[in-house]
Amino acid sequence: MPELEIIGAPQSTFVRTTRIALEEKGVAYALTPARPHSSEIDAIHPFGRIPAMRHGDLALCESRAIIAYVDRVFGGPKLIPDDAKRAAVIEQWSSLVANAVFPAVFPYFCEYLFPASGSTDRAAVEVLLPHVRHAIDVLGRRAGDGFIAGEDFTLADMYALPILVYLNRLPESRDFIGETQTLDAYLAKHAERPSFKSTTPPPLGT
C-alpha cells in the first residue's frame, strides 16, 4: 500500500487533530510541512486550507474527510464506532468544536499570534472575549467527566485539545480555562497520551 502523506503546517490545530487521529489509529504517515495557500495546498484544497492528504492516486482536503477515509481504509481502533447513537454524539461534538468553537476563538488567536498591525489590538481583544469565554465554558461543561463526547477519548477530544493548548497560553483565555474548574485537569490528563506527545508542534514561526 502506498505511503499516506499529510500536508500542512504542524502548528495548525486541524493538522494536529488529523495527526492525533492517525496516531490513535496506528496508521503510519509522512508529514510534509506546508502553509495555507502554498502551491502544495492550493493544488488540493480549493480554498487553500490545511490539512491536505495524498495516498497513492487519491488527494483529499478537509480534516474530517481525511480522518473518515483513514478510518475506513486502515485497520486499527475505529475512530467512529458502528453504534449509530454513539457515532452521532461523537460526530455532533466534533462538528461543534470544529465549526463553532474554533471560529469563535480563531480571531482571538490572530490578535495575539498574528496581529495585523504588528501588535495586539486591545480594543479588538475586548470585543472578542465574550465569544472566547462562551466557547471555553461550553468545553468546560462537557469535560467534567474527562471527555468531550462521553465516556472515552474520541474524535471530539482530538479536535478540542489542539485548540485548548493555544487558549491555555494566552492571558484572558488561560484565566477562563481556570474558572471552568474542569479544563485544567482535562488538559493535564490528555497531555499524557502518546498521540498528544508525539504530535507536539514546533513553536509558531519555525
Protein backbone atom coordinates (compact mmCIF):
# COMPACT_ATOMS: atom_id res chain seq x y z
CA MET A 1 0.00 0.00 0.00
CA PRO A 2 1.40 3.48 -0.84
CA GLU A 3 2.53 5.77 1.95
CA LEU A 4 -0.02 8.16 3.38
CA GLU A 5 1.11 11.80 3.23
CA ILE A 6 -0.36 14.56 5.38
CA ILE A 7 0.37 18.05 4.08
CA GLY A 8 0.16 21.12 6.29
CA ALA A 9 1.83 23.19 9.00
CA PRO A 10 2.27 21.11 12.17
CA GLN A 11 1.27 24.16 14.26
CA SER A 12 -2.24 24.11 12.76
CA THR A 13 -4.91 22.80 15.11
CA PHE A 14 -6.61 20.88 12.29
CA VAL A 15 -3.35 19.34 11.12
CA ARG A 16 -2.64 18.25 14.68
CA THR A 17 -6.15 16.80 15.05
CA THR A 18 -5.59 14.75 11.90
CA ARG A 19 -2.21 13.56 13.12
CA ILE A 20 -3.60 12.61 16.56
CA ALA A 21 -6.32 10.59 14.83
CA LEU A 22 -3.75 8.74 12.72
CA GLU A 23 -1.60 8.08 15.78
CA GLU A 24 -4.60 6.75 17.72
CA LYS A 25 -5.48 4.57 14.74
CA GLY A 26 -1.89 3.32 14.46
CA VAL A 27 -1.50 4.43 10.84
CA ALA A 28 1.97 5.37 9.59
CA TYR A 29 2.22 8.59 7.61
CA ALA A 30 4.67 11.19 6.36
CA LEU A 31 4.16 14.83 7.29
CA THR A 32 5.00 17.39 4.62
CA PRO A 33 5.04 20.88 6.18
CA ALA A 34 3.18 23.42 4.07
CA ARG A 35 1.44 26.69 4.83
CA PRO A 36 -2.11 27.60 3.83
CA HIS A 37 -2.33 28.85 0.22
CA SER A 38 1.05 27.34 -0.65
CA SER A 39 1.31 25.66 -4.03
CA GLU A 40 1.17 22.20 -2.40
CA ILE A 41 -2.08 23.04 -0.66
CA ASP A 42 -3.69 25.03 -3.47
CA ALA A 43 -3.24 22.02 -5.73
CA ILE A 44 -5.63 20.05 -3.49
CA HIS A 45 -7.81 22.47 -1.48
CA PRO A 46 -9.91 24.96 -3.47
CA PHE A 47 -9.75 27.45 -0.60
CA GLY A 48 -6.10 26.88 0.29
CA ARG A 49 -6.70 25.45 3.77
CA ILE A 50 -4.80 22.80 5.68
CA PRO A 51 -4.52 19.86 6.06
CA ALA A 52 -4.46 18.02 2.77
CA MET A 53 -3.66 14.39 2.09
CA ARG A 54 -2.23 12.22 -0.65
CA HIS A 55 -2.49 8.44 -0.69
CA GLY A 56 -1.49 6.88 -3.98
CA ASP A 57 -3.62 8.50 -6.66
CA LEU A 58 -6.10 9.96 -4.14
CA ALA A 59 -5.83 13.58 -2.97
CA LEU A 60 -8.15 14.84 -0.23
CA CYS A 61 -8.64 18.02 1.77
CA GLU A 62 -10.52 18.84 4.98
CA SER A 63 -9.57 17.08 8.21
CA ARG A 64 -12.89 15.29 8.66
CA ALA A 65 -12.80 13.80 5.15
CA ILE A 66 -9.21 12.67 5.65
CA ILE A 67 -9.97 11.08 9.01
CA ALA A 68 -13.09 9.32 7.67
CA TYR A 69 -11.10 7.90 4.77
CA VAL A 70 -8.34 6.63 7.04
CA ASP A 71 -10.89 5.10 9.42
CA ARG A 72 -12.46 3.12 6.57
CA VAL A 73 -9.32 2.07 4.70
CA PHE A 74 -6.96 1.12 7.50
CA GLY A 75 -7.19 -1.36 10.34
CA GLY A 76 -6.83 -0.47 14.00
CA PRO A 77 -9.25 1.02 16.51
CA LYS A 78 -12.30 2.61 14.93
CA LEU A 79 -12.40 6.38 15.30
CA ILE A 80 -16.14 6.45 14.68
CA PRO A 81 -17.93 3.41 16.17
CA ASP A 82 -20.57 1.36 14.41
CA ASP A 83 -23.19 2.10 17.05
CA ALA A 84 -25.39 4.78 15.50
CA LYS A 85 -26.21 6.72 18.67
CA ARG A 86 -22.62 6.76 19.92
CA ALA A 87 -21.34 7.74 16.49
CA ALA A 88 -23.89 10.56 16.26
CA VAL A 89 -22.79 12.07 19.58
CA ILE A 90 -19.13 11.92 18.57
CA GLU A 91 -19.89 13.48 15.18
CA GLN A 92 -22.03 16.16 16.81
CA TRP A 93 -19.33 17.28 19.22
CA SER A 94 -16.55 17.01 16.66
CA SER A 95 -18.58 19.30 14.41
CA LEU A 96 -19.38 21.73 17.23
CA VAL A 97 -15.72 22.05 18.16
CA ALA A 98 -14.54 22.43 14.56
CA ASN A 99 -17.37 24.65 13.31
CA ALA A 100 -18.43 26.65 16.38
CA VAL A 101 -15.66 26.65 18.99
CA PHE A 102 -12.80 27.19 16.54
CA PRO A 103 -14.43 30.10 14.65
CA ALA A 104 -15.27 31.70 17.99
CA VAL A 105 -11.68 31.69 19.20
CA PHE A 106 -9.65 31.98 16.00
CA PRO A 107 -9.91 35.81 15.70
CA TYR A 108 -8.64 35.99 19.29
CA PHE A 109 -5.69 33.75 18.38
CA CYS A 110 -4.93 36.04 15.47
CA GLU A 111 -4.88 39.18 17.62
CA TYR A 112 -2.12 37.66 19.76
CA LEU A 113 -0.28 35.38 17.37
CA PHE A 114 -0.64 37.15 14.00
CA PRO A 115 -1.58 40.78 14.75
CA ALA A 116 -2.30 42.70 11.58
CA SER A 117 -0.78 45.90 12.93
CA GLY A 118 2.28 44.20 14.42
CA SER A 119 0.96 44.38 17.99
CA THR A 120 -2.14 43.15 19.79
CA ASP A 121 -5.15 45.45 19.45
CA ARG A 122 -6.55 45.60 22.98
CA ALA A 123 -9.88 47.03 21.89
CA ALA A 124 -10.33 44.19 19.41
CA VAL A 125 -9.46 41.63 22.08
CA GLU A 126 -12.10 43.05 24.42
CA VAL A 127 -14.76 42.68 21.73
CA LEU A 128 -13.78 39.04 21.19
CA LEU A 129 -13.60 37.95 24.83
CA PRO A 130 -17.32 37.14 25.33
CA HIS A 131 -17.16 34.72 22.40
CA VAL A 132 -13.96 33.16 23.75
CA ARG A 133 -15.44 32.79 27.23
CA HIS A 134 -18.59 31.16 25.89
CA ALA A 135 -16.61 28.66 23.81
CA ILE A 136 -14.44 27.75 26.79
CA ASP A 137 -17.46 27.44 29.08
CA VAL A 138 -19.09 25.03 26.64
CA LEU A 139 -16.00 22.84 26.58
CA GLY A 140 -15.60 23.13 30.33
CA ARG A 141 -19.10 21.81 30.94
CA ARG A 142 -18.54 18.91 28.55
CA ALA A 143 -15.17 17.99 30.05
CA GLY A 144 -16.46 17.37 33.55
CA ASP A 145 -16.08 13.61 33.18
CA GLY A 146 -12.74 13.90 31.39
CA PHE A 147 -14.02 13.66 27.82
CA ILE A 148 -15.94 15.88 25.40
CA ALA A 149 -18.27 13.30 23.85
CA GLY A 150 -18.97 10.78 26.55
CA GLU A 151 -17.11 8.12 28.41
CA ASP A 152 -13.92 7.72 26.38
CA PHE A 153 -11.35 9.52 24.23
CA THR A 154 -12.88 10.28 20.84
CA LEU A 155 -12.53 12.40 17.75
CA ALA A 156 -14.24 15.25 19.63
CA ASP A 157 -11.31 15.36 22.05
CA MET A 158 -8.88 15.23 19.15
CA TYR A 159 -10.48 18.40 17.77
CA ALA A 160 -10.70 20.13 21.17
CA LEU A 161 -7.22 19.52 22.55
CA PRO A 162 -5.12 21.43 19.96
CA ILE A 163 -7.42 24.44 20.34
CA LEU A 164 -7.24 24.36 24.13
CA VAL A 165 -3.44 24.18 24.03
CA TYR A 166 -3.31 27.60 22.37
CA LEU A 167 -6.06 29.03 24.57
CA ASN A 168 -4.10 27.90 27.62
CA ARG A 169 -1.14 30.04 26.52
CA LEU A 170 -2.97 33.35 26.13
CA PRO A 171 -3.77 35.55 29.14
CA GLU A 172 -7.55 36.01 29.23
CA SER A 173 -8.40 32.57 27.87
CA ARG A 174 -5.98 31.00 30.37
CA ASP A 175 -7.97 32.64 33.16
CA PHE A 176 -11.25 31.44 31.63
CA ILE A 177 -9.90 27.88 31.50
CA GLY A 178 -9.03 28.07 35.19
CA GLU A 179 -12.51 29.32 36.02
CA THR A 180 -14.13 26.23 34.49
CA GLN A 181 -12.58 24.02 37.20
CA THR A 182 -12.54 21.13 34.71
CA LEU A 183 -10.31 22.03 31.79
CA ASP A 184 -7.01 22.19 33.67
CA ALA A 185 -7.48 18.57 34.72
CA TYR A 186 -8.73 17.65 31.25
CA LEU A 187 -5.63 19.10 29.60
CA ALA A 188 -3.28 17.50 32.12
CA LYS A 189 -4.92 14.10 31.68
CA HIS A 190 -4.75 14.02 27.90
CA ALA A 191 -1.30 15.63 27.68
CA GLU A 192 -0.01 12.23 28.79
CA ARG A 193 -1.42 10.42 25.76
CA PRO A 194 1.29 9.19 23.39
CA SER A 195 -0.63 10.64 20.42
CA PHE A 196 -0.65 14.07 22.05
CA LYS A 197 3.05 13.98 22.89
CA SER A 198 4.17 12.71 19.50
CA THR A 199 2.26 15.45 17.63
CA THR A 200 3.56 18.38 19.68
CA PRO A 201 4.37 21.03 17.05
CA PRO A 202 7.40 23.29 16.95
CA PRO A 203 6.82 26.90 18.03
CA LEU A 204 4.91 29.15 15.70
CA GLY A 205 7.13 30.82 13.15
CA THR A 206 9.53 27.87 12.79
